[in-house]
Amino acid sequence: MANGAHDLPPWGTVWWYFRKWRADGTWERVEEALRSQVREREGRDATPSAAIIDSQSVKATEKGGLGAMTPTRRYLGANATS
C-alpha cells in the first residue's frame, strides 16, 4: 500500500508500551546506553564529568517552561510598521 501508516502497530499498543517503559525506567536505560556508546565512539569517557546549565534554562524550568516566560501578544489592529 502507498500509505505508510499500515506498517505501524496500532497507536494504542504504542502508547501502552511507551507509558510502561517510561514508568519502569526502560527509556532512561536506553538513553544512557546510547549516550555512553556515542561518547566512547567520539573518544571521550562514557560518562560526562561535568554539566553546564545556563541561567535561562533554570529560569524557564522554575516557571514551568518556555510558555510561562513568553508574554501574550494582543493585536488590536494594524501597527505602524505594516
Protein backbone atom coordinates (compact mmCIF):
# COMPACT_ATOMS: atom_id res chain seq x y z
CA MET A 1 0.00 0.00 0.00
CA ALA A 2 1.20 3.53 -0.72
CA ASN A 3 0.19 4.79 2.73
CA GLY A 4 2.97 4.02 5.22
CA ALA A 5 0.58 4.06 8.20
CA HIS A 6 -0.25 0.39 7.75
CA ASP A 7 3.26 -0.75 8.61
CA LEU A 8 2.95 0.66 12.15
CA PRO A 9 1.31 -1.02 15.13
CA PRO A 10 -1.98 0.39 16.43
CA TRP A 11 -1.46 3.68 18.31
CA GLY A 12 -2.98 2.20 21.48
CA THR A 13 -0.31 -0.51 21.55
CA VAL A 14 2.48 2.03 21.03
CA TRP A 15 1.06 4.29 23.78
CA TRP A 16 0.77 1.35 26.20
CA TYR A 17 4.41 0.37 25.70
CA PHE A 18 5.61 3.98 25.90
CA ARG A 19 3.86 4.50 29.25
CA LYS A 20 5.07 1.14 30.60
CA TRP A 21 8.68 1.75 29.56
CA ARG A 22 8.64 5.31 30.85
CA ALA A 23 7.30 4.15 34.23
CA ASP A 24 9.73 1.26 34.68
CA GLY A 25 12.82 3.24 33.60
CA THR A 26 13.42 1.48 30.28
CA TRP A 27 13.64 4.77 28.34
CA GLU A 28 16.24 6.14 30.77
CA ARG A 29 18.35 2.98 30.47
CA VAL A 30 18.22 3.07 26.67
CA GLU A 31 19.17 6.76 26.64
CA GLU A 32 22.09 6.18 28.99
CA ALA A 33 23.35 3.23 26.94
CA LEU A 34 23.18 5.20 23.69
CA ARG A 35 24.84 8.26 25.26
CA SER A 36 27.70 6.11 26.56
CA GLN A 37 28.21 4.47 23.16
CA VAL A 38 28.28 7.81 21.34
CA ARG A 39 30.72 9.32 23.84
CA GLU A 40 33.06 6.31 23.59
CA ARG A 41 32.89 6.38 19.78
CA GLU A 42 33.98 10.03 19.95
CA GLY A 43 36.95 9.07 22.13
CA ARG A 44 35.53 10.51 25.35
CA ASP A 45 34.73 8.92 28.72
CA ALA A 46 31.44 7.03 28.73
CA THR A 47 30.01 9.24 31.47
CA PRO A 48 30.21 13.03 31.49
CA SER A 49 32.31 14.52 34.27
CA ALA A 50 30.59 17.94 34.27
CA ALA A 51 27.42 19.66 33.15
CA ILE A 52 26.70 23.24 32.22
CA ILE A 53 23.31 24.80 32.91
CA ASP A 54 22.70 28.34 31.79
CA SER A 55 20.57 30.69 33.87
CA GLN A 56 17.87 30.98 31.19
CA SER A 57 17.26 27.22 31.31
CA VAL A 58 16.94 27.34 35.08
CA LYS A 59 14.51 30.26 34.96
CA ALA A 60 12.36 28.51 32.33
CA THR A 61 12.24 25.33 34.37
CA GLU A 62 11.31 27.11 37.60
CA LYS A 63 8.46 28.97 35.91
CA GLY A 64 7.06 25.98 34.07
CA GLY A 65 8.80 26.09 30.72
CA LEU A 66 9.18 28.49 27.84
CA GLY A 67 5.46 29.23 27.61
CA ALA A 68 5.48 30.70 31.11
CA MET A 69 8.17 33.20 30.09
CA THR A 70 6.66 34.26 26.76
CA PRO A 71 4.37 37.28 27.08
CA THR A 72 0.98 37.13 25.43
CA ARG A 73 0.71 39.42 22.43
CA ARG A 74 -2.51 41.20 21.56
CA TYR A 75 -3.06 42.56 18.09
CA LEU A 76 -5.63 45.35 18.14
CA GLY A 77 -5.26 46.32 14.51
CA ALA A 78 -2.57 47.38 12.08
CA ASN A 79 0.63 48.59 13.65
CA ALA A 80 2.78 51.47 12.46
CA THR A 81 5.30 49.23 10.71
CA SER A 82 2.89 47.43 8.37
